[in-house]
């Protein structure tokens, strides 16, 4: 194989790889201790720079002895900034993955996890992930997604029942579409591959607010809703990135990996022939 062709292939592969980026990896079982996750006053830092969004909290989100963040039954919003602010680029996707178990919810439902355009944001809660019961008293629930609040916005729920007190890996996909008021969203539950075309969405949604989409993502947020309609949950890990691989979805042999293998094999054959000549 011509050396220039090999260099071009490897350059193309490198170009693909540079699109990948991880902006957060949180594992509550490592580097966290039992107790309050964030500070108890606005923007006061707690463990690993988790901070409170609101001005005060009487029943804060805590880390338990099993290394999980406990989303309880009374109000507190907290956030953790990404390692760097993410500029939304048309045609690209942003991924947020969380491993959690919903412990209780209601037929009204409520969201408990979202992202925000700035760290410490108090109003623009984006990509909201929620849970609700289809039947009161059920041991199973459905997940939903909502782009944000505002005129026309609404939560879109899936139909496949999930079990309370069971941990699932849930991935939010935010697809940036050129123009305004047209981004799309998907939730995946227990995805088994990082090849996007091989995944089936648990639920899909569109940007439904009359307000245009944000241009940046800056933080992940945990939320304890109002008592009565809130969703309670245990969260063991969170990650954010530009690709499914960035957030820890198990990879399949990818196109770039096969190309690298092919180029290596060709180089090996070429070297062997030289040695024999």
Protein backbone atom coordinates (compact mmCIF):
# COMPACT_ATOMS: atom_id res chain seq x y z
CA UNK A 1 0.00 0.00 0.00
CA UNK A 2 1.25 3.48 -0.89
CA UNK A 3 2.63 5.27 2.16
CA UNK A 4 0.66 8.43 1.37
CA UNK A 5 -2.59 6.45 1.39
CA UNK A 6 -1.75 4.93 4.76
CA UNK A 7 -0.99 8.37 6.18
CA UNK A 8 -4.28 9.70 4.80
CA UNK A 9 -6.26 6.85 6.37
CA UNK A 10 -4.61 7.30 9.72
CA UNK A 11 -5.22 11.04 9.52
CA UNK A 12 -8.89 10.48 8.85
CA UNK A 13 -9.08 8.13 11.82
CA UNK A 14 -7.39 10.72 14.02
CA UNK A 15 -9.91 13.30 12.83
CA UNK A 16 -12.75 11.07 13.93
CA UNK A 17 -11.18 10.48 17.32
CA UNK A 18 -10.65 14.19 18.03
CA UNK A 19 -14.40 14.71 17.96
CA UNK A 20 -14.66 12.68 21.16
CA UNK A 21 -14.58 14.47 24.49
CA UNK A 22 -15.59 13.64 28.05
CA UNK A 23 -16.83 16.55 30.17
CA UNK A 24 -17.69 14.71 33.37
CA UNK A 25 -17.29 11.35 35.03
CA UNK A 26 -18.86 10.99 38.48
CA UNK A 27 -18.85 7.77 40.51
CA UNK A 28 -20.43 8.31 43.90
CA UNK A 29 -18.77 5.15 45.25
CA UNK A 30 -15.29 6.63 44.76
CA UNK A 31 -14.02 9.84 46.33
CA UNK A 32 -17.26 10.57 48.20
CA UNK A 33 -18.19 10.14 51.85
CA UNK A 34 -21.50 9.59 53.60
CA UNK A 35 -23.36 12.86 54.10
CA UNK A 36 -24.50 16.01 52.30
CA UNK A 37 -23.45 16.16 48.66
CA UNK A 38 -23.59 19.96 48.27
CA UNK A 39 -23.35 22.96 50.55
CA UNK A 40 -26.51 24.25 52.22
CA UNK A 41 -26.38 27.82 50.93
CA UNK A 42 -26.50 29.04 47.35
CA UNK A 43 -23.36 28.17 45.37
CA UNK A 44 -21.65 26.81 48.49
CA UNK A 45 -19.32 23.99 47.47
CA UNK A 46 -19.80 20.53 48.93
CA UNK A 47 -18.17 17.25 47.98
CA UNK A 48 -16.13 17.40 44.75
CA UNK A 49 -17.50 20.86 43.98
CA UNK A 50 -21.21 19.97 43.96
CA UNK A 51 -23.06 23.19 44.78
CA UNK A 52 -26.55 24.19 45.80
CA UNK A 53 -28.66 26.08 43.28
CA UNK A 54 -31.36 27.47 45.56
CA UNK A 55 -30.86 29.70 48.58
CA UNK A 56 -31.51 27.10 51.26
CA UNK A 57 -32.40 23.46 51.88
CA UNK A 58 -33.63 21.60 54.93
CA UNK A 59 -33.45 18.03 53.54
CA UNK A 60 -30.38 17.97 51.29
CA UNK A 61 -29.37 15.35 48.75
CA UNK A 62 -26.92 12.99 50.43
CA UNK A 63 -24.48 10.23 49.61
CA UNK A 64 -25.38 6.95 51.34
CA UNK A 65 -23.23 4.11 52.63
CA UNK A 66 -23.63 2.25 49.32
CA UNK A 67 -21.98 5.05 47.34
CA UNK A 68 -25.16 6.48 45.82
CA UNK A 69 -26.64 9.96 45.70
CA UNK A 70 -30.07 9.83 47.33
CA UNK A 71 -32.74 11.95 45.62
CA UNK A 72 -35.26 12.43 48.40
CA UNK A 73 -38.77 13.74 48.82
CA UNK A 74 -38.28 17.43 49.54
CA UNK A 75 -36.85 20.30 47.54
CA UNK A 76 -33.21 20.84 46.76
CA UNK A 77 -31.52 21.58 43.44
CA UNK A 78 -27.77 21.06 43.15
CA UNK A 79 -25.29 21.20 40.28
CA UNK A 80 -21.79 20.28 39.24
CA UNK A 81 -20.05 22.12 36.41
CA UNK A 82 -18.56 20.23 33.49
CA UNK A 83 -14.79 20.33 33.11
CA UNK A 84 -15.39 22.91 30.38
CA UNK A 85 -18.45 24.59 28.89
CA UNK A 86 -19.74 22.82 25.78
CA UNK A 87 -20.60 24.84 22.67
CA UNK A 88 -23.52 23.28 20.83
CA UNK A 89 -22.63 22.62 17.18
CA UNK A 90 -25.30 22.01 14.54
CA UNK A 91 -25.21 18.43 13.30
CA UNK A 92 -23.54 17.10 16.46
CA UNK A 93 -24.90 15.31 19.53
CA UNK A 94 -24.40 15.65 23.26
CA UNK A 95 -24.76 12.65 25.59
CA UNK A 96 -25.52 12.41 29.30
CA UNK A 97 -25.45 8.98 30.93
CA UNK A 98 -26.68 8.18 34.43
CA UNK A 99 -26.98 4.91 36.29
CA UNK A 100 -29.94 5.11 38.64
CA UNK A 101 -32.79 3.29 40.33
CA UNK A 102 -36.14 5.02 40.77
CA UNK A 103 -37.40 4.18 44.25
CA UNK A 104 -40.76 5.96 44.14
CA UNK A 105 -42.83 8.24 41.93
CA UNK A 106 -46.48 9.13 41.27
CA UNK A 107 -48.99 9.09 38.44
CA UNK A 108 -48.28 12.81 37.96
CA UNK A 109 -44.55 12.23 37.76
CA UNK A 110 -41.63 14.61 38.12
CA UNK A 111 -38.10 15.13 36.81
CA UNK A 112 -34.99 14.61 38.91
CA UNK A 113 -32.02 15.03 36.55
CA UNK A 114 -31.20 17.66 33.92
CA UNK A 115 -28.49 19.83 32.37
CA UNK A 116 -28.18 23.62 32.28
CA UNK A 117 -26.63 26.23 29.95
CA UNK A 118 -24.70 27.85 32.81
CA UNK A 119 -23.44 26.47 36.11
CA UNK A 120 -25.77 27.57 38.89
CA UNK A 121 -28.63 28.28 36.46
CA UNK A 122 -31.89 28.89 38.32
CA UNK A 123 -34.44 28.82 35.48
CA UNK A 124 -33.29 27.10 32.26
CA UNK A 125 -33.44 23.40 33.15
CA UNK A 126 -32.73 21.46 29.98
CA UNK A 127 -33.05 17.83 28.90
CA UNK A 128 -35.16 16.93 31.93
CA UNK A 129 -35.39 13.22 32.76
CA UNK A 130 -38.53 12.23 34.68
CA UNK A 131 -40.39 9.17 35.91
CA UNK A 132 -44.06 8.47 36.57
CA UNK A 133 -46.44 5.62 37.36
CA UNK A 134 -49.07 4.58 34.83
CA UNK A 135 -51.14 3.07 37.63
CA UNK A 136 -51.21 4.24 41.23
CA UNK A 137 -49.40 1.86 43.56
CA UNK A 138 -47.63 0.05 40.74
CA UNK A 139 -44.13 -1.35 41.21
CA UNK A 140 -43.27 -0.26 37.67
CA UNK A 141 -42.86 3.14 36.03
CA UNK A 142 -42.03 4.83 32.73
CA UNK A 143 -39.33 7.38 31.94
CA UNK A 144 -39.90 10.68 30.20
CA UNK A 145 -37.95 13.53 28.66
CA UNK A 146 -38.68 17.24 28.33
CA UNK A 147 -36.55 19.73 26.42
CA UNK A 148 -37.20 22.61 28.84
CA UNK A 149 -40.04 24.63 30.30
CA UNK A 150 -41.91 27.41 28.52
CA UNK A 151 -44.88 27.84 26.21
CA UNK A 152 -45.73 24.63 24.37
CA UNK A 153 -43.26 22.48 26.25
CA UNK A 154 -44.34 19.15 27.71
CA UNK A 155 -42.91 15.92 29.08
CA UNK A 156 -42.87 13.03 26.59
CA UNK A 157 -43.05 9.62 28.27
CA UNK A 158 -42.13 6.18 26.98
CA UNK A 159 -44.41 3.17 27.25
CA UNK A 160 -42.06 0.35 28.26
CA UNK A 161 -42.42 -0.37 31.97
CA UNK A 162 -39.33 -0.37 34.17
CA UNK A 163 -39.03 -1.79 37.68
CA UNK A 164 -38.69 0.39 40.73
CA UNK A 165 -35.59 -0.24 42.88
CA UNK A 166 -33.73 -1.63 39.86
CA UNK A 167 -30.65 0.11 38.45
CA UNK A 168 -30.63 1.06 34.78
CA UNK A 169 -28.07 2.80 32.60
CA UNK A 170 -29.98 5.64 30.95
CA UNK A 171 -28.49 7.80 28.21
CA UNK A 172 -29.88 11.14 27.08
CA UNK A 173 -29.02 12.06 23.48
CA UNK A 174 -29.42 15.73 22.50
CA UNK A 175 -29.20 16.25 18.72
CA UNK A 176 -28.39 19.80 17.60
CA UNK A 177 -30.30 20.59 14.40
CA UNK A 178 -29.56 23.68 12.29
CA UNK A 179 -32.01 26.51 12.86
CA UNK A 180 -34.09 27.11 15.98
CA UNK A 181 -36.83 25.27 17.85
CA UNK A 182 -36.05 21.97 16.13
CA UNK A 183 -33.49 20.02 18.20
CA UNK A 184 -34.39 16.38 18.92
CA UNK A 185 -33.88 14.08 21.89
CA UNK A 186 -33.70 10.37 22.63
CA UNK A 187 -33.45 8.29 25.78
CA UNK A 188 -31.77 4.89 25.67
CA UNK A 189 -32.08 2.34 28.47
CA UNK A 190 -29.22 -0.13 29.01
CA UNK A 191 -27.59 0.49 25.61
CA UNK A 192 -25.30 -2.40 24.67
CA UNK A 193 -23.30 -0.75 21.91
CA UNK A 194 -21.73 2.60 21.09
CA UNK A 195 -22.79 2.25 17.46
CA UNK A 196 -25.65 4.74 17.32
CA UNK A 197 -27.37 3.16 14.31
CA UNK A 198 -27.73 -0.11 16.24
CA UNK A 199 -29.65 1.46 19.14
CA UNK A 200 -33.41 1.68 19.58
CA UNK A 201 -34.75 4.66 21.49
CA UNK A 202 -36.78 4.11 24.65
CA UNK A 203 -38.52 7.43 23.98
CA UNK A 204 -37.96 10.29 21.51
CA UNK A 205 -38.97 13.95 21.77
CA UNK A 206 -38.64 17.28 20.03
CA UNK A 207 -37.80 20.75 21.28
CA UNK A 208 -41.30 21.93 22.19
CA UNK A 209 -40.68 25.28 23.84
CA UNK A 210 -41.36 28.50 21.93
CA UNK A 211 -38.00 29.75 23.24
CA UNK A 212 -34.96 28.92 21.10
CA UNK A 213 -32.51 26.26 22.21
CA UNK A 214 -29.40 27.14 24.24
CA UNK A 215 -26.00 27.48 22.61
CA UNK A 216 -24.02 25.93 25.49
CA UNK A 217 -24.15 23.23 28.14
CA UNK A 218 -22.27 23.88 31.36
CA UNK A 219 -23.46 21.65 34.22
CA UNK A 220 -25.43 18.62 35.33
CA UNK A 221 -28.15 19.11 37.94
CA UNK A 222 -29.86 16.85 40.47
CA UNK A 223 -33.33 17.81 41.68
CA UNK A 224 -35.57 16.91 44.58
CA UNK A 225 -39.06 17.98 43.57
CA UNK A 226 -41.98 19.19 45.63
CA UNK A 227 -43.34 16.67 48.13
CA UNK A 228 -46.40 14.90 46.77
CA UNK A 229 -45.49 14.60 43.09
CA UNK A 230 -41.76 14.08 43.32
CA UNK A 231 -39.67 11.20 42.06
CA UNK A 232 -37.15 9.68 44.46
CA UNK A 233 -34.11 7.82 43.18
CA UNK A 234 -30.64 6.45 43.87
CA UNK A 235 -27.94 7.61 41.45
CA UNK A 236 -24.63 5.77 41.33
CA UNK A 237 -22.83 7.47 38.42
CA UNK A 238 -23.08 10.27 35.85
CA UNK A 239 -21.02 11.06 32.75
CA UNK A 240 -21.24 13.55 29.89
CA UNK A 241 -19.57 13.69 26.50
CA UNK A 242 -19.76 14.11 22.75
CA UNK A 243 -20.15 10.42 21.90
CA UNK A 244 -21.67 7.27 23.35
CA UNK A 245 -18.16 6.01 23.97
CA UNK A 246 -17.30 9.17 25.91
CA UNK A 247 -20.02 8.41 28.47
CA UNK A 248 -18.99 4.79 28.95
CA UNK A 249 -21.34 2.86 26.67
CA UNK A 250 -19.72 -0.50 25.91
CA UNK A 251 -18.13 -0.34 22.44
CA UNK A 252 -18.46 -2.69 19.51
CA UNK A 253 -15.65 -3.03 16.95
CA UNK A 254 -15.90 0.36 15.29
CA UNK A 255 -15.12 1.47 11.77
CA UNK A 256 -12.02 3.27 12.96
CA UNK A 257 -10.88 0.20 14.87
CA UNK A 258 -11.32 -2.02 11.81
CA UNK A 259 -9.44 0.50 9.68
CA UNK A 260 -6.56 0.56 12.13
CA UNK A 261 -6.48 -3.24 12.17
CA UNK A 262 -6.55 -3.34 8.38
CA UNK A 263 -3.77 -0.81 7.98
CA UNK A 264 -1.65 -2.64 10.58
CA UNK A 265 -2.18 -5.93 8.75
CA UNK A 266 -1.20 -4.40 5.41
CA UNK A 267 1.90 -2.85 6.93
CA UNK A 268 2.78 -6.22 8.41
CA UNK A 269 2.43 -7.97 5.05
CA UNK A 270 4.47 -5.28 3.33
CA UNK A 271 7.24 -5.56 5.95
CA UNK A 272 7.26 -9.35 5.61
CA UNK A 273 7.65 -9.13 1.84
CA UNK A 274 10.58 -6.74 2.21
CA UNK A 275 12.33 -9.12 4.58
CA UNK A 276 11.86 -11.98 2.14
CA UNK A 277 13.18 -10.02 -0.87
